[in-house]
Amino acid sequence: MKKEILRLLREKESYLSGQELCSRLSVSRTAVWKAINQLREEGYQIESASHRGYLLVSGPDRVTAAELASRLSGCPFGENIIYKEEIDSTNIEAKRQAEAGAVHGTVVIAESQEQGRGRKGKAWSSPKGTGIWMSLVLRPEIRPERAACLTLTAALAVSRAVEHVTGLSAQIKWPNDLVINGKKICGILTEMSSEMDFIHYVVTGIGINVNMERFQEELPFATSLQIESGRPYIRAELAAWVLREFDACYQDFLETGDLEKLLSDYNERLVNKDRQVQVIKEGEQIQGTARGVNSQGELLVETKDGTEAVLSGEVSVRGVYGYV
C-alpha cells in the first residue's frame, strides 16, 4: 500500500484528502494513517492538515521497492521489485530468483553490493547509497545468439534516461559501458541460461555511478553524474527512467528481433564510432577504425584488410589512444 500512497501523493502534487486515499485504495482511514506514519519513519516528509489531507514535501534518496514502484505506474518493470539494503550481487540474486521462477520483468535493486562485478569477472565498486545497482530478469522468446543485443538495448536505455534526467550526454562505449567526457559512469553485464535454441532466462545488470564525490586512484577512468554536473540526483527517479526507457527499447527490439529500430539512435551515441580501436580476439590484436554497429549488434571495424564484424562476446575493445 505504501507504493500506492506515494504514487497518489506524487500525482496530486498538492494536498490529497484522507477520504480520497481511502476510497481509491479501498482501505480504512486507520490503514492510511499507519502507512503514512511508516513512510515518515522511513524519512519521507509528509505534511497533514485538517480538512485538507496529506502533502508529500520530500523523500529520502532511497531505491526501495515502494519508492521505485511508485514512479513506474503502468510499466511492467514496476510490478515485481525486490529490494535489498545489502546484497552479494544483484545479478547473482536475479539469477537465484529466475531459477526459482521469477516472472519476466522482475527487478532486483540494492543500496550496496559486496560482490559487484562487470564484464570478464572484473570487480565493480558499489558503495552504499551512491549509485544504482540493479538487475532485470528477462524471458525473451528469441534465439540465444540474439541475447547479446540486450546489452546494447540496455545501454541505449541508460543513455536516454541519463540525458532526460541530467541533461548530460552519456555516450556508449561498445559493448557495455557508458561514458561522459571520456570516463565511465555505467557498466552493463548480461548473463544467460539457455539451451541450444531456447533461452530459459536472461539477467541484465546495470550499475550507474550517480552521487559519488570521488574515486580511488586505481580507478582513473571512473566518474559519476554528480562529479560531471556538480549536483546530486534522486537515484529512484533516474532508475525509474532507465526502466521505462528499457521497456520502450525492449519492445522495439522484440518487434524485429534485432536492433533495426534502435540502430540510428544507438550509433549517434556511440563514442567508438570513427575512432581508432584495438580489438583483442583470441590472443590476436587487430587495429582499425570503428564504423558503427550493425543490426545484429556487431561492431564494424575497418582494417587494412577490409571490414570485420565483431561480436561482443568474443573480444575486448579499447581505444588506441586511451579508454575510449
C-alpha atoms as a PDB file:
ATOM      1  CA  MET A   1       0.000   0.000   0.000  1.00  0.00           C
ATOM      2  CA  LYS A   2       2.914   2.380   0.656  1.00  0.00           C
ATOM      3  CA  LYS A   3       3.855   2.446  -3.021  1.00  0.00           C
ATOM      4  CA  GLU A   4       0.268   3.344  -3.985  1.00  0.00           C
ATOM      5  CA  ILE A   5       0.135   6.132  -1.413  1.00  0.00           C
ATOM      6  CA  LEU A   6       3.439   7.528  -2.664  1.00  0.00           C
ATOM      7  CA  ARG A   7       2.225   7.324  -6.255  1.00  0.00           C
ATOM      8  CA  LEU A   8      -1.044   9.116  -5.475  1.00  0.00           C
ATOM      9  CA  LEU A   9       0.670  11.831  -3.440  1.00  0.00           C
ATOM     10  CA  ARG A  10       3.182  12.427  -6.246  1.00  0.00           C
ATOM     11  CA  GLU A  11       0.491  12.581  -8.894  1.00  0.00           C
ATOM     12  CA  LYS A  12      -1.538  15.108  -6.894  1.00  0.00           C
ATOM     13  CA  GLU A  13       1.345  17.499  -6.169  1.00  0.00           C
ATOM     14  CA  SER A  14      -0.927  19.200  -3.616  1.00  0.00           C
ATOM     15  CA  TYR A  15      -2.916  18.099  -0.585  1.00  0.00           C
ATOM     16  CA  LEU A  16      -4.785  14.823  -1.039  1.00  0.00           C
ATOM     17  CA  SER A  17      -7.595  14.134   1.376  1.00  0.00           C
ATOM     18  CA  GLY A  18      -7.563  11.096   3.618  1.00  0.00           C
ATOM     19  CA  GLN A  19     -11.031  10.240   2.373  1.00  0.00           C
ATOM     20  CA  GLU A  20      -9.866  10.177  -1.245  1.00  0.00           C
ATOM     21  CA  LEU A  21      -6.934   7.947  -0.313  1.00  0.00           C
ATOM     22  CA  CYS A  22      -9.322   5.579   1.471  1.00  0.00           C
ATOM     23  CA  SER A  23     -11.700   5.497  -1.492  1.00  0.00           C
ATOM     24  CA  ARG A  24      -9.042   4.965  -4.134  1.00  0.00           C
ATOM     25  CA  LEU A  25      -7.248   2.278  -2.153  1.00  0.00           C
ATOM     26  CA  SER A  26     -10.373   0.680  -0.652  1.00  0.00           C
ATOM     27  CA  VAL A  27      -8.905   0.751   2.847  1.00  0.00           C
ATOM     28  CA  SER A  28      -9.776   2.339   6.180  1.00  0.00           C
ATOM     29  CA  ARG A  29      -8.562   5.697   7.494  1.00  0.00           C
ATOM     30  CA  THR A  30      -6.614   3.794  10.140  1.00  0.00           C
ATOM     31  CA  ALA A  31      -4.764   1.817   7.471  1.00  0.00           C
ATOM     32  CA  VAL A  32      -3.882   5.018   5.615  1.00  0.00           C
ATOM     33  CA  TRP A  33      -2.706   6.678   8.850  1.00  0.00           C
ATOM     34  CA  LYS A  34      -0.478   3.696   9.687  1.00  0.00           C
ATOM     35  CA  ALA A  35       1.055   3.652   6.197  1.00  0.00           C
ATOM     36  CA  ILE A  36       1.690   7.409   6.318  1.00  0.00           C
ATOM     37  CA  ASN A  37       3.469   7.025   9.662  1.00  0.00           C
ATOM     38  CA  GLN A  38       5.581   4.180   8.293  1.00  0.00           C
ATOM     39  CA  LEU A  39       6.645   6.385   5.392  1.00  0.00           C
ATOM     40  CA  ARG A  40       7.530   9.190   7.802  1.00  0.00           C
ATOM     41  CA  GLU A  41       9.668   6.767   9.793  1.00  0.00           C
ATOM     42  CA  GLU A  42      11.489   5.893   6.564  1.00  0.00           C
ATOM     43  CA  GLY A  43      12.386   9.544   6.026  1.00  0.00           C
ATOM     44  CA  TYR A  44       9.511  10.928   3.964  1.00  0.00           C
ATOM     45  CA  GLN A  45       8.328  14.404   4.929  1.00  0.00           C
ATOM     46  CA  ILE A  46       4.562  14.279   4.656  1.00  0.00           C
ATOM     47  CA  GLU A  47       2.532  17.206   5.951  1.00  0.00           C
ATOM     48  CA  SER A  48      -1.016  16.754   7.192  1.00  0.00           C
ATOM     49  CA  ALA A  49      -3.652  19.419   7.673  1.00  0.00           C
ATOM     50  CA  SER A  50      -7.247  19.268   8.908  1.00  0.00           C
ATOM     51  CA  HIS A  51      -9.838  19.328   6.125  1.00  0.00           C
ATOM     52  CA  ARG A  52      -7.050  19.238   3.523  1.00  0.00           C
ATOM     53  CA  GLY A  53      -5.323  15.865   3.893  1.00  0.00           C
ATOM     54  CA  TYR A  54      -1.727  14.911   3.175  1.00  0.00           C
ATOM     55  CA  LEU A  55       1.051  16.557   1.168  1.00  0.00           C
ATOM     56  CA  LEU A  56       4.319  14.895   0.134  1.00  0.00           C
ATOM     57  CA  VAL A  57       7.038  17.519   0.703  1.00  0.00           C
ATOM     58  CA  SER A  58      10.192  15.466   0.203  1.00  0.00           C
ATOM     59  CA  GLY A  59      11.592  11.980   0.469  1.00  0.00           C
ATOM     60  CA  PRO A  60      14.894  10.272   1.228  1.00  0.00           C
ATOM     61  CA  ASP A  61      17.292   9.293  -1.530  1.00  0.00           C
ATOM     62  CA  ARG A  62      16.428   5.608  -1.384  1.00  0.00           C
ATOM     63  CA  VAL A  63      15.747   2.985  -4.050  1.00  0.00           C
ATOM     64  CA  THR A  64      13.273   0.866  -2.076  1.00  0.00           C
ATOM     65  CA  ALA A  65      10.634  -1.214  -3.825  1.00  0.00           C
ATOM     66  CA  ALA A  66       7.881   1.192  -2.724  1.00  0.00           C
ATOM     67  CA  GLU A  67       9.809   4.275  -3.848  1.00  0.00           C
ATOM     68  CA  LEU A  68      10.694   2.828  -7.248  1.00  0.00           C
ATOM     69  CA  ALA A  69       7.313   1.215  -7.929  1.00  0.00           C
ATOM     70  CA  SER A  70       5.522   4.477  -7.093  1.00  0.00           C
ATOM     71  CA  ARG A  71       7.314   6.022 -10.084  1.00  0.00           C
ATOM     72  CA  LEU A  72       6.538   3.183 -12.507  1.00  0.00           C
ATOM     73  CA  SER A  73       2.757   3.106 -12.806  1.00  0.00           C
ATOM     74  CA  GLY A  74       1.827   1.132 -15.919  1.00  0.00           C
ATOM     75  CA  CYS A  75       5.370  -0.099 -16.561  1.00  0.00           C
ATOM     76  CA  PRO A  76       5.873  -3.887 -16.465  1.00  0.00           C
ATOM     77  CA  PHE A  77       9.204  -3.399 -14.696  1.00  0.00           C
ATOM     78  CA  GLY A  78       7.379  -1.877 -11.736  1.00  0.00           C
ATOM     79  CA  GLU A  79       5.269  -4.917 -10.926  1.00  0.00           C
ATOM     80  CA  ASN A  80       7.769  -7.151  -9.108  1.00  0.00           C
ATOM     81  CA  ILE A  81      10.640  -5.281  -7.438  1.00  0.00           C
ATOM     82  CA  ILE A  82      12.946  -6.976  -4.945  1.00  0.00           C
ATOM     83  CA  TYR A  83      14.868  -4.515  -2.762  1.00  0.00           C
ATOM     84  CA  LYS A  84      17.857  -5.290  -0.548  1.00  0.00           C
ATOM     85  CA  GLU A  85      19.848  -2.959   1.702  1.00  0.00           C
ATOM     86  CA  GLU A  86      22.969  -5.070   1.129  1.00  0.00           C
ATOM     87  CA  ILE A  87      23.499  -7.947  -1.253  1.00  0.00           C
ATOM     88  CA  ASP A  88      26.268 -10.062  -2.691  1.00  0.00           C
ATOM     89  CA  SER A  89      25.349  -9.039  -6.245  1.00  0.00           C
ATOM     90  CA  THR A  90      22.073  -8.045  -7.879  1.00  0.00           C
ATOM     91  CA  ASN A  91      22.931 -10.286 -10.841  1.00  0.00           C
ATOM     92  CA  ILE A  92      23.518 -13.254  -8.546  1.00  0.00           C
ATOM     93  CA  GLU A  93      20.235 -12.614  -6.749  1.00  0.00           C
ATOM     94  CA  ALA A  94      18.373 -12.099 -10.028  1.00  0.00           C
ATOM     95  CA  LYS A  95      19.664 -15.474 -11.244  1.00  0.00           C
ATOM     96  CA  ARG A  96      18.526 -17.075  -7.992  1.00  0.00           C
ATOM     97  CA  GLN A  97      15.096 -15.516  -8.460  1.00  0.00           C
ATOM     98  CA  ALA A  98      14.962 -16.597 -12.110  1.00  0.00           C
ATOM     99  CA  GLU A  99      15.850 -20.179 -11.195  1.00  0.00           C
ATOM    100  CA  ALA A 100      13.016 -20.089  -8.637  1.00  0.00           C
ATOM    101  CA  GLY A 101      10.530 -18.985 -11.302  1.00  0.00           C
ATOM    102  CA  ALA A 102      10.593 -15.186 -11.109  1.00  0.00           C
ATOM    103  CA  VAL A 103       8.432 -13.631 -13.785  1.00  0.00           C
ATOM    104  CA  HIS A 104       9.683 -11.604 -16.730  1.00  0.00           C
ATOM    105  CA  GLY A 105      10.255  -8.011 -15.659  1.00  0.00           C
ATOM    106  CA  THR A 106      11.384  -8.775 -12.114  1.00  0.00           C
ATOM    107  CA  VAL A 107      13.802  -6.113 -10.869  1.00  0.00           C
ATOM    108  CA  VAL A 108      16.421  -6.690  -8.165  1.00  0.00           C
ATOM    109  CA  ILE A 109      17.852  -3.462  -6.733  1.00  0.00           C
ATOM    110  CA  ALA A 110      20.128  -2.800  -3.782  1.00  0.00           C
ATOM    111  CA  GLU A 111      21.718   0.046  -1.838  1.00  0.00           C
ATOM    112  CA  SER A 112      25.101  -1.710  -1.952  1.00  0.00           C
ATOM    113  CA  GLN A 113      26.788  -4.840  -3.333  1.00  0.00           C
ATOM    114  CA  GLU A 114      29.602  -6.815  -1.766  1.00  0.00           C
ATOM    115  CA  GLN A 115      30.463  -8.786  -4.901  1.00  0.00           C
ATOM    116  CA  GLY A 116      29.528  -6.417  -7.683  1.00  0.00           C
ATOM    117  CA  ARG A 117      31.262  -7.378 -10.901  1.00  0.00           C
ATOM    118  CA  GLY A 118      31.494  -6.349 -14.502  1.00  0.00           C
ATOM    119  CA  ARG A 119      32.401  -7.993 -17.762  1.00  0.00           C
ATOM    120  CA  LYS A 120      35.057 -10.748 -17.674  1.00  0.00           C
ATOM    121  CA  GLY A 121      34.691 -11.023 -13.880  1.00  0.00           C
ATOM    122  CA  LYS A 122      36.155  -7.603 -13.071  1.00  0.00           C
ATOM    123  CA  ALA A 123      35.181  -6.193  -9.663  1.00  0.00           C
ATOM    124  CA  TRP A 124      32.655  -3.362  -9.611  1.00  0.00           C
ATOM    125  CA  SER A 125      32.714  -0.904  -6.711  1.00  0.00           C
ATOM    126  CA  SER A 126      29.189  -0.445  -5.316  1.00  0.00           C
ATOM    127  CA  PRO A 127      29.306   1.835  -2.245  1.00  0.00           C
ATOM    128  CA  LYS A 128      26.116   2.268  -0.248  1.00  0.00           C
ATOM    129  CA  GLY A 129      23.650   4.947  -1.209  1.00  0.00           C
ATOM    130  CA  THR A 130      25.649   6.395  -4.093  1.00  0.00           C
ATOM    131  CA  GLY A 131      24.643   4.543  -7.236  1.00  0.00           C
ATOM    132  CA  ILE A 132      22.040   2.448  -8.991  1.00  0.00           C
ATOM    133  CA  TRP A 133      22.806  -1.248  -8.717  1.00  0.00           C
ATOM    134  CA  MET A 134      20.009  -3.263 -10.311  1.00  0.00           C
ATOM    135  CA  SER A 135      19.368  -6.335 -12.433  1.00  0.00           C
ATOM    136  CA  LEU A 136      16.427  -7.304 -14.631  1.00  0.00           C
ATOM    137  CA  VAL A 137      15.040 -10.796 -15.157  1.00  0.00           C
ATOM    138  CA  LEU A 138      14.032 -11.218 -18.807  1.00  0.00           C
ATOM    139  CA  ARG A 139      12.412 -14.144 -20.546  1.00  0.00           C
ATOM    140  CA  PRO A 140      12.550 -13.192 -24.231  1.00  0.00           C
ATOM    141  CA  GLU A 141      11.310 -15.576 -26.882  1.00  0.00           C
ATOM    142  CA  ILE A 142      14.353 -15.180 -29.095  1.00  0.00           C
ATOM    143  CA  ARG A 143      17.232 -17.388 -30.167  1.00  0.00           C
ATOM    144  CA  PRO A 144      20.202 -17.412 -27.747  1.00  0.00           C
ATOM    145  CA  GLU A 145      22.558 -15.782 -30.236  1.00  0.00           C
ATOM    146  CA  ARG A 146      20.336 -12.689 -30.209  1.00  0.00           C
ATOM    147  CA  ALA A 147      20.747 -12.171 -26.449  1.00  0.00           C
ATOM    148  CA  ALA A 148      23.914 -10.095 -26.883  1.00  0.00           C
ATOM    149  CA  CYS A 149      21.707  -7.367 -28.351  1.00  0.00           C
ATOM    150  CA  LEU A 150      20.097  -6.926 -24.936  1.00  0.00           C
ATOM    151  CA  THR A 151      23.293  -5.386 -23.571  1.00  0.00           C
ATOM    152  CA  LEU A 152      23.195  -2.803 -26.352  1.00  0.00           C
ATOM    153  CA  THR A 153      19.475  -2.274 -25.782  1.00  0.00           C
ATOM    154  CA  ALA A 154      20.134  -1.554 -22.101  1.00  0.00           C
ATOM    155  CA  ALA A 155      22.995   0.803 -22.952  1.00  0.00           C
ATOM    156  CA  LEU A 156      20.738   2.860 -25.201  1.00  0.00           C
ATOM    157  CA  ALA A 157      18.056   2.970 -22.498  1.00  0.00           C
ATOM    158  CA  VAL A 158      20.541   4.221 -19.878  1.00  0.00           C
ATOM    159  CA  SER A 159      21.913   6.840 -22.269  1.00  0.00           C
ATOM    160  CA  ARG A 160      18.433   8.164 -22.982  1.00  0.00           C
ATOM    161  CA  ALA A 161      17.489   8.174 -19.297  1.00  0.00           C
ATOM    162  CA  VAL A 162      20.656   9.984 -18.192  1.00  0.00           C
ATOM    163  CA  GLU A 163      20.136  12.620 -20.853  1.00  0.00           C
ATOM    164  CA  HIS A 164      16.498  13.121 -19.809  1.00  0.00           C
ATOM    165  CA  VAL A 165      17.168  13.390 -16.064  1.00  0.00           C
ATOM    166  CA  THR A 166      20.512  15.208 -16.034  1.00  0.00           C
ATOM    167  CA  GLY A 167      20.898  16.859 -19.417  1.00  0.00           C
ATOM    168  CA  LEU A 168      24.326  15.231 -19.711  1.00  0.00           C
ATOM    169  CA  SER A 169      25.351  13.378 -22.856  1.00  0.00           C
ATOM    170  CA  ALA A 170      26.187   9.811 -21.852  1.00  0.00           C
ATOM    171  CA  GLN A 171      27.852   8.161 -24.830  1.00  0.00           C
ATOM    172  CA  ILE A 172      28.026   4.416 -25.375  1.00  0.00           C
ATOM    173  CA  LYS A 173      31.367   2.620 -25.410  1.00  0.00           C
ATOM    174  CA  TRP A 174      30.575  -0.642 -27.180  1.00  0.00           C
ATOM    175  CA  PRO A 175      29.588  -3.087 -25.963  1.00  0.00           C
ATOM    176  CA  ASN A 176      28.707  -2.477 -22.321  1.00  0.00           C
ATOM    177  CA  ASP A 177      29.920   0.852 -20.906  1.00  0.00           C
ATOM    178  CA  LEU A 178      28.630   4.412 -20.885  1.00  0.00           C
ATOM    179  CA  VAL A 179      30.992   7.354 -20.647  1.00  0.00           C
ATOM    180  CA  ILE A 180      30.852  11.087 -20.054  1.00  0.00           C
ATOM    181  CA  ASN A 181      33.838  13.212 -21.052  1.00  0.00           C
ATOM    182  CA  GLY A 182      35.814  10.027 -21.688  1.00  0.00           C
ATOM    183  CA  LYS A 183      35.196   8.489 -18.247  1.00  0.00           C
ATOM    184  CA  LYS A 184      32.975   5.574 -17.274  1.00  0.00           C
ATOM    185  CA  ILE A 185      29.693   6.198 -15.465  1.00  0.00           C
ATOM    186  CA  CYS A 186      27.882   2.915 -16.174  1.00  0.00           C
ATOM    187  CA  GLY A 187      28.596  -0.739 -16.826  1.00  0.00           C
ATOM    188  CA  ILE A 188      26.199  -3.409 -18.052  1.00  0.00           C
ATOM    189  CA  LEU A 189      26.534  -7.157 -17.562  1.00  0.00           C
ATOM    190  CA  THR A 190      24.218  -9.599 -19.351  1.00  0.00           C
ATOM    191  CA  GLU A 191      24.158 -13.280 -18.366  1.00  0.00           C
ATOM    192  CA  MET A 192      22.012 -16.055 -19.759  1.00  0.00           C
ATOM    193  CA  SER A 193      20.721 -19.537 -19.025  1.00  0.00           C
ATOM    194  CA  SER A 194      19.858 -21.333 -22.230  1.00  0.00           C
ATOM    195  CA  GLU A 195      19.874 -24.465 -24.329  1.00  0.00           C
ATOM    196  CA  MET A 196      20.994 -24.684 -27.936  1.00  0.00           C
ATOM    197  CA  ASP A 197      17.872 -22.991 -29.316  1.00  0.00           C
ATOM    198  CA  PHE A 198      15.937 -21.873 -26.235  1.00  0.00           C
ATOM    199  CA  ILE A 199      16.502 -19.197 -23.572  1.00  0.00           C
ATOM    200  CA  HIS A 200      15.412 -20.025 -20.036  1.00  0.00           C
ATOM    201  CA  TYR A 201      16.147 -16.501 -18.847  1.00  0.00           C
ATOM    202  CA  VAL A 202      18.437 -13.533 -19.309  1.00  0.00           C
ATOM    203  CA  VAL A 203      19.680 -11.328 -16.482  1.00  0.00           C
ATOM    204  CA  THR A 204      20.820  -7.833 -17.411  1.00  0.00           C
ATOM    205  CA  GLY A 205      22.679  -5.997 -14.662  1.00  0.00           C
ATOM    206  CA  ILE A 206      23.061  -2.218 -14.721  1.00  0.00           C
ATOM    207  CA  GLY A 207      25.449  -0.290 -12.478  1.00  0.00           C
ATOM    208  CA  ILE A 208      25.392   3.516 -12.626  1.00  0.00           C
ATOM    209  CA  ASN A 209      27.721   5.830 -10.703  1.00  0.00           C
ATOM    210  CA  VAL A 210      25.320   8.539  -9.584  1.00  0.00           C
ATOM    211  CA  ASN A 211      26.310  10.500  -6.476  1.00  0.00           C
ATOM    212  CA  MET A 212      29.936   9.542  -5.823  1.00  0.00           C
ATOM    213  CA  GLU A 213      32.052  12.580  -4.967  1.00  0.00           C
ATOM    214  CA  ARG A 214      35.423  10.966  -5.670  1.00  0.00           C
ATOM    215  CA  PHE A 215      37.090   7.728  -6.784  1.00  0.00           C
ATOM    216  CA  GLN A 216      40.212   5.925  -5.693  1.00  0.00           C
ATOM    217  CA  GLU A 217      43.398   6.474  -7.688  1.00  0.00           C
ATOM    218  CA  GLU A 218      43.241   2.966  -9.109  1.00  0.00           C
ATOM    219  CA  LEU A 219      40.051   3.949 -10.949  1.00  0.00           C
ATOM    220  CA  PRO A 220      41.374   6.752 -13.199  1.00  0.00           C
ATOM    221  CA  PHE A 221      38.696   6.272 -15.850  1.00  0.00           C
ATOM    222  CA  ALA A 222      35.708   6.319 -13.461  1.00  0.00           C
ATOM    223  CA  THR A 223      33.383   9.249 -12.864  1.00  0.00           C
ATOM    224  CA  SER A 224      29.862   9.918 -11.614  1.00  0.00           C
ATOM    225  CA  LEU A 225      26.907  12.031 -12.655  1.00  0.00           C
ATOM    226  CA  GLN A 226      27.452  14.255  -9.623  1.00  0.00           C
ATOM    227  CA  ILE A 227      31.111  14.834 -10.468  1.00  0.00           C
ATOM    228  CA  GLU A 228      30.291  15.674 -14.075  1.00  0.00           C
ATOM    229  CA  SER A 229      27.401  18.023 -13.316  1.00  0.00           C
ATOM    230  CA  GLY A 230      28.280  19.353  -9.878  1.00  0.00           C
ATOM    231  CA  ARG A 231      24.976  18.308  -8.305  1.00  0.00           C
ATOM    232  CA  PRO A 232      23.438  15.159  -6.781  1.00  0.00           C
ATOM    233  CA  TYR A 233      20.447  13.318  -8.226  1.00  0.00           C
ATOM    234  CA  ILE A 234      17.480  11.392  -6.866  1.00  0.00           C
ATOM    235  CA  ARG A 235      18.503   7.862  -7.694  1.00  0.00           C
ATOM    236  CA  ALA A 236      14.983   6.419  -7.773  1.00  0.00           C
ATOM    237  CA  GLU A 237      13.953   8.977 -10.375  1.00  0.00           C
ATOM    238  CA  LEU A 238      16.827   8.000 -12.642  1.00  0.00           C
ATOM    239  CA  ALA A 239      16.288   4.266 -12.055  1.00  0.00           C
ATOM    240  CA  ALA A 240      12.617   4.638 -12.988  1.00  0.00           C
ATOM    241  CA  TRP A 241      13.531   6.455 -16.194  1.00  0.00           C
ATOM    242  CA  VAL A 242      16.041   3.737 -17.071  1.00  0.00           C
ATOM    243  CA  LEU A 243      13.345   1.079 -16.646  1.00  0.00           C
ATOM    244  CA  ARG A 244      10.789   2.997 -18.701  1.00  0.00           C
ATOM    245  CA  GLU A 245      13.319   3.612 -21.477  1.00  0.00           C
ATOM    246  CA  PHE A 246      14.410  -0.021 -21.362  1.00  0.00           C
ATOM    247  CA  ASP A 247      10.801  -1.137 -21.718  1.00  0.00           C
ATOM    248  CA  ALA A 248      10.422   1.021 -24.842  1.00  0.00           C
ATOM    249  CA  CYS A 249      13.733  -0.151 -26.341  1.00  0.00           C
ATOM    250  CA  TYR A 250      12.994  -3.770 -25.460  1.00  0.00           C
ATOM    251  CA  GLN A 251       9.645  -3.667 -27.260  1.00  0.00           C
ATOM    252  CA  ASP A 252      11.336  -2.238 -30.359  1.00  0.00           C
ATOM    253  CA  PHE A 253      13.940  -4.995 -30.168  1.00  0.00           C
ATOM    254  CA  LEU A 254      11.308  -7.738 -29.888  1.00  0.00           C
ATOM    255  CA  GLU A 255       9.336  -6.336 -32.820  1.00  0.00           C
ATOM    256  CA  THR A 256      12.153  -7.010 -35.277  1.00  0.00           C
ATOM    257  CA  GLY A 257      14.330  -9.458 -33.331  1.00  0.00           C
ATOM    258  CA  ASP A 258      17.358  -7.205 -33.844  1.00  0.00           C
ATOM    259  CA  LEU A 259      18.456  -3.592 -33.396  1.00  0.00           C
ATOM    260  CA  GLU A 260      16.956  -2.292 -36.643  1.00  0.00           C
ATOM    261  CA  LYS A 261      14.592   0.191 -34.960  1.00  0.00           C
ATOM    262  CA  LEU A 262      17.229   1.302 -32.439  1.00  0.00           C
ATOM    263  CA  LEU A 263      20.258   1.426 -34.714  1.00  0.00           C
ATOM    264  CA  SER A 264      20.213   5.082 -35.771  1.00  0.00           C
ATOM    265  CA  ASP A 265      19.900   6.404 -32.209  1.00  0.00           C
ATOM    266  CA  TYR A 266      22.458   3.911 -30.909  1.00  0.00           C
ATOM    267  CA  ASN A 267      25.110   4.811 -33.479  1.00  0.00           C
ATOM    268  CA  GLU A 268      24.600   8.532 -32.853  1.00  0.00           C
ATOM    269  CA  ARG A 269      25.543   7.899 -29.218  1.00  0.00           C
ATOM    270  CA  LEU A 270      28.431   5.515 -29.970  1.00  0.00           C
ATOM    271  CA  VAL A 271      31.662   7.070 -28.695  1.00  0.00           C
ATOM    272  CA  ASN A 272      33.767   4.444 -30.548  1.00  0.00           C
ATOM    273  CA  LYS A 273      32.395   5.491 -33.934  1.00  0.00           C
ATOM    274  CA  ASP A 274      35.066   6.679 -36.361  1.00  0.00           C
ATOM    275  CA  ARG A 275      37.757   6.230 -33.699  1.00  0.00           C
ATOM    276  CA  GLN A 276      40.847   4.065 -33.829  1.00  0.00           C
ATOM    277  CA  VAL A 277      40.281   0.931 -31.746  1.00  0.00           C
ATOM    278  CA  GLN A 278      42.257  -2.132 -30.774  1.00  0.00           C
ATOM    279  CA  VAL A 279      40.409  -5.437 -30.955  1.00  0.00           C
ATOM    280  CA  ILE A 280      41.816  -8.263 -28.851  1.00  0.00           C
ATOM    281  CA  LYS A 281      40.447 -11.533 -30.212  1.00  0.00           C
ATOM    282  CA  GLU A 282      41.732 -14.982 -29.289  1.00  0.00           C
ATOM    283  CA  GLY A 283      45.116 -13.519 -28.339  1.00  0.00           C
ATOM    284  CA  GLU A 284      45.398 -11.595 -31.611  1.00  0.00           C
ATOM    285  CA  GLN A 285      45.398  -7.789 -31.669  1.00  0.00           C
ATOM    286  CA  ILE A 286      43.797  -6.001 -34.578  1.00  0.00           C
ATOM    287  CA  GLN A 287      43.788  -2.242 -35.042  1.00  0.00           C
ATOM    288  CA  GLY A 288      41.261  -0.428 -37.153  1.00  0.00           C
ATOM    289  CA  THR A 289      38.585   2.232 -37.256  1.00  0.00           C
ATOM    290  CA  ALA A 290      35.191   1.569 -35.693  1.00  0.00           C
ATOM    291  CA  ARG A 291      32.455   2.399 -38.182  1.00  0.00           C
ATOM    292  CA  GLY A 292      29.400   1.772 -36.023  1.00  0.00           C
ATOM    293  CA  VAL A 293      27.216  -1.165 -35.078  1.00  0.00           C
ATOM    294  CA  ASN A 294      25.025  -3.264 -37.370  1.00  0.00           C
ATOM    295  CA  SER A 295      21.505  -4.532 -36.656  1.00  0.00           C
ATOM    296  CA  GLN A 296      22.942  -7.725 -35.116  1.00  0.00           C
ATOM    297  CA  GLY A 297      24.822  -5.700 -32.507  1.00  0.00           C
ATOM    298  CA  GLU A 298      28.230  -6.361 -34.075  1.00  0.00           C
ATOM    299  CA  LEU A 299      30.880  -3.639 -34.137  1.00  0.00           C
ATOM    300  CA  LEU A 300      32.093  -2.937 -37.669  1.00  0.00           C
ATOM    301  CA  VAL A 301      35.850  -2.420 -37.629  1.00  0.00           C
ATOM    302  CA  GLU A 302      37.556  -1.213 -40.798  1.00  0.00           C
ATOM    303  CA  THR A 303      41.079  -2.577 -41.129  1.00  0.00           C
ATOM    304  CA  LYS A 304      43.643  -2.517 -43.903  1.00  0.00           C
ATOM    305  CA  ASP A 305      42.284  -5.921 -44.993  1.00  0.00           C
ATOM    306  CA  GLY A 306      38.610  -4.934 -45.063  1.00  0.00           C
ATOM    307  CA  THR A 307      35.745  -4.569 -42.611  1.00  0.00           C
ATOM    308  CA  GLU A 308      35.305  -7.095 -39.816  1.00  0.00           C
ATOM    309  CA  ALA A 309      32.046  -7.580 -37.889  1.00  0.00           C
ATOM    310  CA  VAL A 310      32.996  -8.187 -34.260  1.00  0.00           C
ATOM    311  CA  LEU A 311      30.761  -9.981 -31.728  1.00  0.00           C
ATOM    312  CA  SER A 312      30.754  -8.554 -28.211  1.00  0.00           C
ATOM    313  CA  GLY A 313      31.246 -11.923 -26.551  1.00  0.00           C
ATOM    314  CA  GLU A 314      34.500 -12.731 -28.317  1.00  0.00           C
ATOM    315  CA  VAL A 315      36.687  -9.639 -27.936  1.00  0.00           C
ATOM    316  CA  SER A 316      37.866  -6.733 -25.842  1.00  0.00           C
ATOM    317  CA  VAL A 317      37.836  -3.319 -27.473  1.00  0.00           C
ATOM    318  CA  ARG A 318      39.845  -0.345 -26.244  1.00  0.00           C
ATOM    319  CA  GLY A 319      40.716   2.945 -27.809  1.00  0.00           C
ATOM    320  CA  VAL A 320      44.216   3.033 -29.234  1.00  0.00           C
ATOM    321  CA  TYR A 321      44.908   6.374 -27.514  1.00  0.00           C
ATOM    322  CA  GLY A 322      43.052   5.816 -24.212  1.00  0.00           C
ATOM    323  CA  TYR A 323      39.983   4.334 -22.571  1.00  0.00           C
ATOM    324  CA  VAL A 324      37.687   5.312 -25.450  1.00  0.00           C
END
